[in-house]
Amino acid sequence: MEILTILIPVSLFLGGIGLVAFFWALKKGQFDDPHGDANRILTKDYDERPKP
């Protein structure tokens, strides 16, 4: 049971890091493209080669 005194704070710390990373990505606009790749692949002029 002594291992819980280590595992619980470590898991809370790692969860906090994940939450901070999510909010950072949200603030940077990583999720702001609702008409991006999901709709772009369905168009007739889709080209799988990246533009230079």
N, C-alpha and C. Protein backbone atom coordinates (compact mmCIF):
# COMPACT_ATOMS: atom_id res chain seq x y z
N MET A 1 0.81 -1.20 0.00
CA MET A 1 0.00 0.00 0.00
C MET A 1 0.85 1.26 0.00
N GLU A 2 2.12 1.13 0.36
CA GLU A 2 2.96 2.33 0.38
C GLU A 2 3.20 2.87 -1.03
N ILE A 3 3.06 2.01 -2.03
CA ILE A 3 3.30 2.45 -3.40
C ILE A 3 2.25 3.47 -3.84
N LEU A 4 1.07 3.43 -3.21
CA LEU A 4 0.03 4.40 -3.56
C LEU A 4 0.43 5.83 -3.20
N THR A 5 1.28 5.98 -2.19
CA THR A 5 1.72 7.33 -1.83
C THR A 5 2.62 7.92 -2.92
N ILE A 6 3.15 7.07 -3.78
CA ILE A 6 3.96 7.54 -4.92
C ILE A 6 3.11 7.61 -6.18
N LEU A 7 2.32 6.58 -6.43
CA LEU A 7 1.57 6.49 -7.69
C LEU A 7 0.47 7.54 -7.81
N ILE A 8 -0.21 7.85 -6.75
CA ILE A 8 -1.30 8.83 -6.83
C ILE A 8 -0.77 10.23 -7.16
N PRO A 9 0.25 10.75 -6.48
CA PRO A 9 0.76 12.06 -6.88
C PRO A 9 1.38 12.07 -8.28
N VAL A 10 2.04 10.99 -8.66
CA VAL A 10 2.63 10.92 -10.00
C VAL A 10 1.54 10.95 -11.06
N SER A 11 0.46 10.19 -10.84
CA SER A 11 -0.62 10.17 -11.82
C SER A 11 -1.33 11.52 -11.89
N LEU A 12 -1.52 12.18 -10.76
CA LEU A 12 -2.11 13.51 -10.77
C LEU A 12 -1.21 14.52 -11.48
N PHE A 13 0.08 14.41 -11.28
CA PHE A 13 1.03 15.30 -11.95
C PHE A 13 1.00 15.10 -13.46
N LEU A 14 1.03 13.83 -13.91
CA LEU A 14 0.99 13.55 -15.34
C LEU A 14 -0.34 13.96 -15.96
N GLY A 15 -1.42 13.78 -15.24
CA GLY A 15 -2.72 14.25 -15.71
C GLY A 15 -2.77 15.76 -15.84
N GLY A 16 -2.14 16.44 -14.89
CA GLY A 16 -2.06 17.90 -14.96
C GLY A 16 -1.24 18.37 -16.14
N ILE A 17 -0.16 17.67 -16.43
CA ILE A 17 0.65 18.02 -17.61
C ILE A 17 -0.17 17.83 -18.89
N GLY A 18 -0.93 16.75 -18.95
CA GLY A 18 -1.79 16.52 -20.11
C GLY A 18 -2.85 17.60 -20.26
N LEU A 19 -3.43 18.02 -19.16
CA LEU A 19 -4.44 19.07 -19.19
C LEU A 19 -3.84 20.40 -19.62
N VAL A 20 -2.66 20.72 -19.12
CA VAL A 20 -1.99 21.95 -19.52
C VAL A 20 -1.64 21.91 -21.01
N ALA A 21 -1.19 20.76 -21.50
CA ALA A 21 -0.86 20.62 -22.92
C ALA A 21 -2.11 20.77 -23.78
N PHE A 22 -3.23 20.24 -23.33
CA PHE A 22 -4.48 20.40 -24.08
C PHE A 22 -4.90 21.85 -24.15
N PHE A 23 -4.86 22.57 -23.04
CA PHE A 23 -5.25 23.98 -23.05
C PHE A 23 -4.27 24.82 -23.84
N TRP A 24 -3.00 24.45 -23.84
CA TRP A 24 -2.01 25.16 -24.66
C TRP A 24 -2.33 24.99 -26.14
N ALA A 25 -2.65 23.76 -26.55
CA ALA A 25 -2.99 23.51 -27.95
C ALA A 25 -4.28 24.23 -28.32
N LEU A 26 -5.22 24.30 -27.41
CA LEU A 26 -6.47 25.00 -27.65
C LEU A 26 -6.20 26.49 -27.84
N LYS A 27 -5.31 27.05 -27.03
CA LYS A 27 -4.98 28.48 -27.12
C LYS A 27 -4.22 28.80 -28.40
N LYS A 28 -3.39 27.88 -28.86
CA LYS A 28 -2.60 28.09 -30.08
C LYS A 28 -3.41 27.88 -31.35
N GLY A 29 -4.65 27.41 -31.24
CA GLY A 29 -5.50 27.27 -32.41
C GLY A 29 -5.33 25.96 -33.16
N GLN A 30 -4.93 24.92 -32.49
CA GLN A 30 -4.73 23.64 -33.15
C GLN A 30 -6.04 23.00 -33.59
N PHE A 31 -7.16 23.41 -33.01
CA PHE A 31 -8.44 22.79 -33.30
C PHE A 31 -9.39 23.76 -34.01
N ASP A 32 -8.86 24.78 -34.68
CA ASP A 32 -9.69 25.82 -35.28
C ASP A 32 -9.96 25.63 -36.77
N ASP A 33 -9.83 24.43 -37.30
CA ASP A 33 -10.01 24.22 -38.72
C ASP A 33 -11.16 23.24 -38.97
N PRO A 34 -12.42 23.70 -38.81
CA PRO A 34 -13.54 22.77 -38.95
C PRO A 34 -13.75 22.28 -40.38
N HIS A 35 -13.30 23.03 -41.37
CA HIS A 35 -13.48 22.63 -42.76
C HIS A 35 -12.17 22.24 -43.40
N GLY A 36 -11.27 21.71 -42.61
CA GLY A 36 -9.93 21.38 -43.09
C GLY A 36 -9.85 20.04 -43.76
N ASP A 37 -9.00 19.18 -43.25
CA ASP A 37 -8.71 17.90 -43.89
C ASP A 37 -9.94 17.01 -44.04
N ALA A 38 -10.88 17.08 -43.14
CA ALA A 38 -12.05 16.20 -43.22
C ALA A 38 -12.84 16.47 -44.49
N ASN A 39 -12.99 17.73 -44.87
CA ASN A 39 -13.73 18.05 -46.09
C ASN A 39 -12.82 18.15 -47.30
N ARG A 40 -11.58 18.49 -47.10
CA ARG A 40 -10.65 18.66 -48.21
C ARG A 40 -10.42 17.36 -48.97
N ILE A 41 -10.43 16.25 -48.27
CA ILE A 41 -10.18 14.97 -48.93
C ILE A 41 -11.37 14.54 -49.78
N LEU A 42 -12.55 15.10 -49.54
CA LEU A 42 -13.74 14.72 -50.30
C LEU A 42 -13.92 15.51 -51.59
N THR A 43 -13.15 16.55 -51.80
CA THR A 43 -13.32 17.37 -53.00
C THR A 43 -12.70 16.68 -54.20
N LYS A 44 -13.16 17.08 -55.38
CA LYS A 44 -12.67 16.47 -56.62
C LYS A 44 -11.23 16.86 -56.94
N ASP A 45 -10.82 18.04 -56.50
CA ASP A 45 -9.47 18.52 -56.81
C ASP A 45 -8.45 18.17 -55.73
N TYR A 46 -8.72 17.10 -55.00
CA TYR A 46 -7.81 16.67 -53.93
C TYR A 46 -6.52 16.13 -54.54
N ASP A 47 -5.40 16.61 -54.04
CA ASP A 47 -4.09 16.16 -54.48
C ASP A 47 -3.32 15.70 -53.25
N GLU A 48 -2.92 14.45 -53.22
CA GLU A 48 -2.27 13.92 -52.01
C GLU A 48 -0.83 14.38 -51.86
N ARG A 49 -0.28 15.02 -52.89
CA ARG A 49 1.08 15.54 -52.77
C ARG A 49 1.04 16.91 -52.09
N PRO A 50 1.87 17.15 -51.13
CA PRO A 50 1.87 18.47 -50.45
C PRO A 50 2.36 19.56 -51.40
N LYS A 51 1.84 20.74 -51.17
CA LYS A 51 2.25 21.88 -51.98
C LYS A 51 3.63 22.36 -51.52
N PRO A 52 4.49 22.73 -52.46
CA PRO A 52 5.85 23.18 -52.06
C PRO A 52 5.84 24.54 -51.43
